[in-house]
Amino acid sequence: MDKYAPYKIIEYGGGGEIVEKKSRFIARVQATESEEEAAAFIEAEKKRYWDARHHCYAYILGEQGQTVRYSDDGEPSGTAGRPILEVLTGSGVRNVTLVVTRYFGGTLLGTGGLVRAYTQAAQAGLAGSRVAVMRYGYALTVETDYNGIGKIQYLLGQRKISIDESVYGQQVSLGFCVPFEEKERLIKDITEATAGTARIGVSDPSYYKSTGESPENASP
């Protein structure tokens, strides 16, 4: 995996629910940055649904997904925690915890039925959450005169780069983030478009939340 590949995060946690043979599977999702935060969220869900039989979960933490944990919480081995984890892995989301609580409906589902139910519940939980894309790149600040502003906005629009900050005075200052691989070309294009008059400041590289694209179109 590319060290600087895009990945997804939970911008707003949500949830979903399915019913299978009268068993309720309630999925809840939350952004978590550490194992302590993940553990606190899992415990909160156990308290919320204190009378449920099972609280199965999975979480993936770190920009590279370095930390992974899951639990079947009393369900047959491999029927709950791992299917939840596979949904998270397939989605490309990081720094996330997903808990599926089950209220037993009186009918045994079998191992295949449990895998399907926990998978569908986890998918419903993610579908009920808002996902954003994190990209590796640079924060740029460009200062230009009013003649150059339209040209820069056009260049950014072509690349679907959103302007995060605009300050209008004697000069115009724009702040925005650009993907790692596009920085040099964009700086060259801005310099040429403004005949070298634009002043460009560049931050150290880091991950930033990309707002110019749909999460579904990102390729982690």
C-alpha atoms as a PDB file:
ATOM      1  CA  MET A   1       0.000   0.000   0.000  1.00  0.00           C
ATOM      2  CA  ASP A   2       1.219   3.466  -0.913  1.00  0.00           C
ATOM      3  CA  LYS A   3       2.387   5.167   2.277  1.00  0.00           C
ATOM      4  CA  TYR A   4       0.705   8.400   1.211  1.00  0.00           C
ATOM      5  CA  ALA A   5      -2.433   6.938  -0.347  1.00  0.00           C
ATOM      6  CA  PRO A   6      -5.785   8.597   0.403  1.00  0.00           C
ATOM      7  CA  TYR A   7      -7.934   7.115   3.117  1.00  0.00           C
ATOM      8  CA  LYS A   8     -11.388   7.808   4.526  1.00  0.00           C
ATOM      9  CA  ILE A   9     -12.578   8.945   7.929  1.00  0.00           C
ATOM     10  CA  ILE A  10     -15.915   9.250   9.662  1.00  0.00           C
ATOM     11  CA  GLU A  11     -16.891  12.906   9.580  1.00  0.00           C
ATOM     12  CA  TYR A  12     -20.160  12.291  11.428  1.00  0.00           C
ATOM     13  CA  GLY A  13     -20.901   8.957  13.079  1.00  0.00           C
ATOM     14  CA  GLY A  14     -24.308   7.417  12.558  1.00  0.00           C
ATOM     15  CA  GLY A  15     -26.019   4.074  12.620  1.00  0.00           C
ATOM     16  CA  GLY A  16     -28.365   1.583  11.045  1.00  0.00           C
ATOM     17  CA  GLU A  17     -30.486  -1.407  11.956  1.00  0.00           C
ATOM     18  CA  ILE A  18     -31.643  -4.653  10.365  1.00  0.00           C
ATOM     19  CA  VAL A  19     -33.970  -7.409  11.578  1.00  0.00           C
ATOM     20  CA  GLU A  20     -33.291 -11.056  10.758  1.00  0.00           C
ATOM     21  CA  LYS A  21     -35.740 -13.703  11.990  1.00  0.00           C
ATOM     22  CA  LYS A  22     -36.867 -11.380  14.781  1.00  0.00           C
ATOM     23  CA  SER A  23     -33.283 -10.710  15.953  1.00  0.00           C
ATOM     24  CA  ARG A  24     -32.442  -6.979  15.932  1.00  0.00           C
ATOM     25  CA  PHE A  25     -28.965  -5.945  14.843  1.00  0.00           C
ATOM     26  CA  ILE A  26     -28.239  -2.306  15.734  1.00  0.00           C
ATOM     27  CA  ALA A  27     -25.058  -0.781  14.288  1.00  0.00           C
ATOM     28  CA  ARG A  28     -23.426   2.367  15.649  1.00  0.00           C
ATOM     29  CA  VAL A  29     -20.371   4.091  14.183  1.00  0.00           C
ATOM     30  CA  GLN A  30     -18.004   6.657  15.668  1.00  0.00           C
ATOM     31  CA  ALA A  31     -14.711   8.283  14.729  1.00  0.00           C
ATOM     32  CA  THR A  32     -12.001   7.216  17.189  1.00  0.00           C
ATOM     33  CA  GLU A  33      -8.355   8.279  17.247  1.00  0.00           C
ATOM     34  CA  SER A  34      -7.033   5.850  19.883  1.00  0.00           C
ATOM     35  CA  GLU A  35      -7.755   2.514  21.523  1.00  0.00           C
ATOM     36  CA  GLU A  36      -8.882   4.415  24.626  1.00  0.00           C
ATOM     37  CA  GLU A  37     -11.503   6.267  22.586  1.00  0.00           C
ATOM     38  CA  ALA A  38     -12.575   3.033  20.910  1.00  0.00           C
ATOM     39  CA  ALA A  39     -12.923   1.263  24.270  1.00  0.00           C
ATOM     40  CA  ALA A  40     -14.946   4.166  25.681  1.00  0.00           C
ATOM     41  CA  PHE A  41     -17.336   4.090  22.714  1.00  0.00           C
ATOM     42  CA  ILE A  42     -17.786   0.308  22.974  1.00  0.00           C
ATOM     43  CA  GLU A  43     -18.508   0.615  26.690  1.00  0.00           C
ATOM     44  CA  ALA A  44     -21.008   3.406  26.048  1.00  0.00           C
ATOM     45  CA  GLU A  45     -22.870   1.222  23.565  1.00  0.00           C
ATOM     46  CA  LYS A  46     -22.984  -1.619  26.082  1.00  0.00           C
ATOM     47  CA  LYS A  47     -24.552   0.733  28.610  1.00  0.00           C
ATOM     48  CA  ARG A  48     -26.955   2.166  26.035  1.00  0.00           C
ATOM     49  CA  TYR A  49     -28.226  -1.322  25.156  1.00  0.00           C
ATOM     50  CA  TRP A  50     -27.587  -2.907  28.530  1.00  0.00           C
ATOM     51  CA  ASP A  51     -30.226  -5.609  28.100  1.00  0.00           C
ATOM     52  CA  ALA A  52     -28.905  -6.921  24.763  1.00  0.00           C
ATOM     53  CA  ARG A  53     -27.198 -10.292  24.478  1.00  0.00           C
ATOM     54  CA  HIS A  54     -24.220  -9.368  22.285  1.00  0.00           C
ATOM     55  CA  HIS A  55     -22.175  -6.235  21.541  1.00  0.00           C
ATOM     56  CA  CYS A  56     -19.797  -7.202  18.731  1.00  0.00           C
ATOM     57  CA  TYR A  57     -17.340  -4.714  17.285  1.00  0.00           C
ATOM     58  CA  ALA A  58     -14.340  -3.919  15.152  1.00  0.00           C
ATOM     59  CA  TYR A  59     -12.070  -0.910  14.860  1.00  0.00           C
ATOM     60  CA  ILE A  60      -9.267   0.295  12.604  1.00  0.00           C
ATOM     61  CA  LEU A  61      -6.926   3.019  13.860  1.00  0.00           C
ATOM     62  CA  GLY A  62      -4.032   4.964  12.331  1.00  0.00           C
ATOM     63  CA  GLU A  63      -3.407   6.620   8.967  1.00  0.00           C
ATOM     64  CA  GLN A  64      -2.088   3.306   7.660  1.00  0.00           C
ATOM     65  CA  GLY A  65      -4.631   1.197   9.571  1.00  0.00           C
ATOM     66  CA  GLN A  66      -1.876   0.011  11.894  1.00  0.00           C
ATOM     67  CA  THR A  67      -4.138  -1.025  14.793  1.00  0.00           C
ATOM     68  CA  VAL A  68      -6.964  -3.492  14.202  1.00  0.00           C
ATOM     69  CA  ARG A  69      -9.162  -5.231  16.788  1.00  0.00           C
ATOM     70  CA  TYR A  70     -12.460  -7.099  16.700  1.00  0.00           C
ATOM     71  CA  SER A  71     -14.653  -9.173  18.996  1.00  0.00           C
ATOM     72  CA  ASP A  72     -17.438 -11.744  18.563  1.00  0.00           C
ATOM     73  CA  ASP A  73     -18.624 -11.085  22.138  1.00  0.00           C
ATOM     74  CA  GLY A  74     -20.046 -14.546  22.668  1.00  0.00           C
ATOM     75  CA  GLU A  75     -21.204 -15.243  19.131  1.00  0.00           C
ATOM     76  CA  PRO A  76     -19.662 -18.295  17.378  1.00  0.00           C
ATOM     77  CA  SER A  77     -16.064 -17.592  16.398  1.00  0.00           C
ATOM     78  CA  GLY A  78     -15.707 -15.699  13.127  1.00  0.00           C
ATOM     79  CA  THR A  79     -19.413 -14.884  12.718  1.00  0.00           C
ATOM     80  CA  ALA A  80     -19.531 -11.293  14.007  1.00  0.00           C
ATOM     81  CA  GLY A  81     -16.333  -9.358  14.693  1.00  0.00           C
ATOM     82  CA  ARG A  82     -14.502 -10.422  11.557  1.00  0.00           C
ATOM     83  CA  PRO A  83     -17.423  -9.692   9.196  1.00  0.00           C
ATOM     84  CA  ILE A  84     -17.724  -6.231  10.766  1.00  0.00           C
ATOM     85  CA  LEU A  85     -13.983  -5.716  10.294  1.00  0.00           C
ATOM     86  CA  GLU A  86     -14.178  -6.829   6.664  1.00  0.00           C
ATOM     87  CA  VAL A  87     -16.862  -4.213   5.995  1.00  0.00           C
ATOM     88  CA  LEU A  88     -14.610  -1.522   7.507  1.00  0.00           C
ATOM     89  CA  THR A  89     -11.575  -2.773   5.586  1.00  0.00           C
ATOM     90  CA  GLY A  90     -13.490  -2.827   2.314  1.00  0.00           C
ATOM     91  CA  SER A  91     -14.759   0.712   2.853  1.00  0.00           C
ATOM     92  CA  GLY A  92     -11.263   2.180   3.245  1.00  0.00           C
ATOM     93  CA  VAL A  93     -12.283   4.027   6.424  1.00  0.00           C
ATOM     94  CA  ARG A  94      -9.683   4.545   9.186  1.00  0.00           C
ATOM     95  CA  ASN A  95      -9.834   5.816  12.762  1.00  0.00           C
ATOM     96  CA  VAL A  96     -13.280   4.272  13.169  1.00  0.00           C
ATOM     97  CA  THR A  97     -15.090   1.962  15.585  1.00  0.00           C
ATOM     98  CA  LEU A  98     -18.243   0.083  14.624  1.00  0.00           C
ATOM     99  CA  VAL A  99     -20.354  -1.739  17.215  1.00  0.00           C
ATOM    100  CA  VAL A 100     -23.228  -4.065  16.318  1.00  0.00           C
ATOM    101  CA  THR A 101     -25.595  -4.870  19.178  1.00  0.00           C
ATOM    102  CA  ARG A 102     -27.841  -7.921  18.846  1.00  0.00           C
ATOM    103  CA  TYR A 103     -31.154  -8.540  20.539  1.00  0.00           C
ATOM    104  CA  PHE A 104     -31.841 -12.263  20.157  1.00  0.00           C
ATOM    105  CA  GLY A 105     -35.190 -12.985  18.557  1.00  0.00           C
ATOM    106  CA  GLY A 106     -35.580 -16.592  19.627  1.00  0.00           C
ATOM    107  CA  THR A 107     -34.513 -18.250  16.356  1.00  0.00           C
ATOM    108  CA  LEU A 108     -30.978 -19.514  15.737  1.00  0.00           C
ATOM    109  CA  LEU A 109     -29.511 -18.113  12.531  1.00  0.00           C
ATOM    110  CA  GLY A 110     -26.605 -20.503  12.018  1.00  0.00           C
ATOM    111  CA  THR A 111     -23.081 -19.413  11.225  1.00  0.00           C
ATOM    112  CA  GLY A 112     -23.861 -18.341   7.650  1.00  0.00           C
ATOM    113  CA  GLY A 113     -26.910 -16.400   8.766  1.00  0.00           C
ATOM    114  CA  LEU A 114     -24.959 -14.623  11.476  1.00  0.00           C
ATOM    115  CA  VAL A 115     -22.178 -13.638   9.071  1.00  0.00           C
ATOM    116  CA  ARG A 116     -24.722 -12.195   6.636  1.00  0.00           C
ATOM    117  CA  ALA A 117     -26.638 -10.375   9.374  1.00  0.00           C
ATOM    118  CA  TYR A 118     -23.565  -8.781  10.971  1.00  0.00           C
ATOM    119  CA  THR A 119     -22.227  -7.843   7.538  1.00  0.00           C
ATOM    120  CA  GLN A 120     -25.500  -6.197   6.528  1.00  0.00           C
ATOM    121  CA  ALA A 121     -25.810  -4.398   9.860  1.00  0.00           C
ATOM    122  CA  ALA A 122     -22.257  -3.040   9.596  1.00  0.00           C
ATOM    123  CA  GLN A 123     -22.972  -1.850   6.044  1.00  0.00           C
ATOM    124  CA  ALA A 124     -26.132  -0.130   7.271  1.00  0.00           C
ATOM    125  CA  GLY A 125     -24.165   1.585  10.030  1.00  0.00           C
ATOM    126  CA  LEU A 126     -21.639   2.987   7.572  1.00  0.00           C
ATOM    127  CA  ALA A 127     -24.401   4.021   5.178  1.00  0.00           C
ATOM    128  CA  GLY A 128     -25.921   6.044   8.022  1.00  0.00           C
ATOM    129  CA  SER A 129     -22.646   7.883   8.654  1.00  0.00           C
ATOM    130  CA  ARG A 130     -20.953  10.719   6.799  1.00  0.00           C
ATOM    131  CA  VAL A 131     -17.569   9.832   5.321  1.00  0.00           C
ATOM    132  CA  ALA A 132     -14.799  12.220   4.255  1.00  0.00           C
ATOM    133  CA  VAL A 133     -11.546  11.701   2.350  1.00  0.00           C
ATOM    134  CA  MET A 134      -8.108  12.404   3.804  1.00  0.00           C
ATOM    135  CA  ARG A 135      -5.345  13.181   1.312  1.00  0.00           C
ATOM    136  CA  TYR A 136      -1.636  13.695   1.754  1.00  0.00           C
ATOM    137  CA  GLY A 137      -0.450  17.050   0.518  1.00  0.00           C
ATOM    138  CA  TYR A 138       0.361  20.674   1.250  1.00  0.00           C
ATOM    139  CA  ALA A 139      -1.413  23.791   2.478  1.00  0.00           C
ATOM    140  CA  LEU A 140      -0.681  26.662   0.099  1.00  0.00           C
ATOM    141  CA  THR A 141      -1.147  30.385   0.601  1.00  0.00           C
ATOM    142  CA  VAL A 142      -1.195  32.493  -2.559  1.00  0.00           C
ATOM    143  CA  GLU A 143      -1.104  36.296  -2.538  1.00  0.00           C
ATOM    144  CA  THR A 144      -1.898  38.030  -5.795  1.00  0.00           C
ATOM    145  CA  ASP A 145      -3.367  41.216  -7.256  1.00  0.00           C
ATOM    146  CA  TYR A 146      -6.947  41.450  -8.487  1.00  0.00           C
ATOM    147  CA  ASN A 147      -5.884  40.728 -12.056  1.00  0.00           C
ATOM    148  CA  GLY A 148      -4.584  37.307 -11.053  1.00  0.00           C
ATOM    149  CA  ILE A 149      -7.421  36.133  -8.857  1.00  0.00           C
ATOM    150  CA  GLY A 150      -9.707  34.921 -11.654  1.00  0.00           C
ATOM    151  CA  LYS A 151      -6.908  32.943 -13.291  1.00  0.00           C
ATOM    152  CA  ILE A 152      -6.030  31.206 -10.018  1.00  0.00           C
ATOM    153  CA  GLN A 153      -9.662  30.404  -9.279  1.00  0.00           C
ATOM    154  CA  TYR A 154      -9.954  28.875 -12.742  1.00  0.00           C
ATOM    155  CA  LEU A 155      -6.880  26.683 -12.198  1.00  0.00           C
ATOM    156  CA  LEU A 156      -8.182  25.500  -8.837  1.00  0.00           C
ATOM    157  CA  GLY A 157     -11.632  24.819 -10.277  1.00  0.00           C
ATOM    158  CA  GLN A 158     -10.121  22.642 -13.009  1.00  0.00           C
ATOM    159  CA  ARG A 159      -8.494  20.498 -10.323  1.00  0.00           C
ATOM    160  CA  LYS A 160     -11.584  20.514  -8.065  1.00  0.00           C
ATOM    161  CA  ILE A 161      -9.546  22.159  -5.282  1.00  0.00           C
ATOM    162  CA  SER A 162     -11.656  24.054  -2.749  1.00  0.00           C
ATOM    163  CA  ILE A 163     -10.527  27.444  -1.402  1.00  0.00           C
ATOM    164  CA  ASP A 164     -10.483  27.298   2.399  1.00  0.00           C
ATOM    165  CA  GLU A 165      -9.791  30.971   3.097  1.00  0.00           C
ATOM    166  CA  SER A 166     -10.032  34.232   1.158  1.00  0.00           C
ATOM    167  CA  VAL A 167      -8.814  37.632   2.358  1.00  0.00           C
ATOM    168  CA  TYR A 168      -9.452  40.703   0.204  1.00  0.00           C
ATOM    169  CA  GLY A 169      -7.420  43.855   0.775  1.00  0.00           C
ATOM    170  CA  GLN A 170      -4.972  45.724  -1.411  1.00  0.00           C
ATOM    171  CA  GLN A 171      -3.947  42.223  -2.482  1.00  0.00           C
ATOM    172  CA  VAL A 172      -5.970  38.988  -2.428  1.00  0.00           C
ATOM    173  CA  SER A 173      -4.798  36.087  -0.272  1.00  0.00           C
ATOM    174  CA  LEU A 174      -6.111  32.572  -0.883  1.00  0.00           C
ATOM    175  CA  GLY A 175      -5.554  29.497   1.292  1.00  0.00           C
ATOM    176  CA  PHE A 176      -6.149  25.951   0.062  1.00  0.00           C
ATOM    177  CA  CYS A 177      -4.725  22.427   0.145  1.00  0.00           C
ATOM    178  CA  VAL A 178      -3.309  20.514  -2.796  1.00  0.00           C
ATOM    179  CA  PRO A 179      -2.524  16.783  -3.180  1.00  0.00           C
ATOM    180  CA  PHE A 180       1.135  15.810  -2.830  1.00  0.00           C
ATOM    181  CA  GLU A 181       1.555  14.799  -6.463  1.00  0.00           C
ATOM    182  CA  GLU A 182      -0.049  17.977  -7.857  1.00  0.00           C
ATOM    183  CA  LYS A 183       1.895  20.632  -5.936  1.00  0.00           C
ATOM    184  CA  GLU A 184       4.775  21.290  -8.334  1.00  0.00           C
ATOM    185  CA  ARG A 185       2.572  21.455 -11.424  1.00  0.00           C
ATOM    186  CA  LEU A 186       0.049  23.744  -9.751  1.00  0.00           C
ATOM    187  CA  ILE A 187       2.741  26.140  -8.502  1.00  0.00           C
ATOM    188  CA  LYS A 188       4.184  26.247 -12.035  1.00  0.00           C
ATOM    189  CA  ASP A 189       0.755  26.961 -13.545  1.00  0.00           C
ATOM    190  CA  ILE A 190      -0.029  29.709 -11.013  1.00  0.00           C
ATOM    191  CA  THR A 191       3.370  31.305 -11.575  1.00  0.00           C
ATOM    192  CA  GLU A 192       2.852  31.288 -15.354  1.00  0.00           C
ATOM    193  CA  ALA A 193      -0.762  32.522 -15.136  1.00  0.00           C
ATOM    194  CA  THR A 194       0.257  35.513 -13.001  1.00  0.00           C
ATOM    195  CA  ALA A 195       3.505  36.232 -14.871  1.00  0.00           C
ATOM    196  CA  GLY A 196       5.466  35.457 -11.721  1.00  0.00           C
ATOM    197  CA  THR A 197       3.782  38.125  -9.599  1.00  0.00           C
ATOM    198  CA  ALA A 198       1.964  35.764  -7.203  1.00  0.00           C
ATOM    199  CA  ARG A 199       3.642  35.060  -3.854  1.00  0.00           C
ATOM    200  CA  ILE A 200       3.231  31.420  -2.854  1.00  0.00           C
ATOM    201  CA  GLY A 201       3.760  29.953   0.613  1.00  0.00           C
ATOM    202  CA  VAL A 202       3.940  26.195   1.140  1.00  0.00           C
ATOM    203  CA  SER A 203       3.481  24.228   4.383  1.00  0.00           C
ATOM    204  CA  ASP A 204       5.177  20.998   5.375  1.00  0.00           C
ATOM    205  CA  PRO A 205       3.333  17.976   3.938  1.00  0.00           C
ATOM    206  CA  SER A 206       0.610  16.315   6.007  1.00  0.00           C
ATOM    207  CA  TYR A 207      -2.822  14.720   5.668  1.00  0.00           C
ATOM    208  CA  TYR A 208      -5.779  17.068   5.175  1.00  0.00           C
ATOM    209  CA  LYS A 209      -9.510  16.607   4.711  1.00  0.00           C
ATOM    210  CA  SER A 210     -10.405  16.877   1.051  1.00  0.00           C
ATOM    211  CA  THR A 211     -13.702  18.661   0.375  1.00  0.00           C
ATOM    212  CA  GLY A 212     -13.561  18.807  -3.405  1.00  0.00           C
ATOM    213  CA  GLU A 213     -14.621  15.251  -4.204  1.00  0.00           C
ATOM    214  CA  SER A 214     -17.097  12.557  -3.311  1.00  0.00           C
ATOM    215  CA  PRO A 215     -15.857   9.904  -0.849  1.00  0.00           C
ATOM    216  CA  GLU A 216     -17.189   7.243  -3.195  1.00  0.00           C
ATOM    217  CA  ASN A 217     -14.752   8.380  -5.889  1.00  0.00           C
ATOM    218  CA  ALA A 218     -11.633   8.289  -3.718  1.00  0.00           C
ATOM    219  CA  SER A 219      -9.256   5.396  -4.213  1.00  0.00           C
ATOM    220  CA  PRO A 220      -7.517   4.491  -0.938  1.00  0.00           C
END
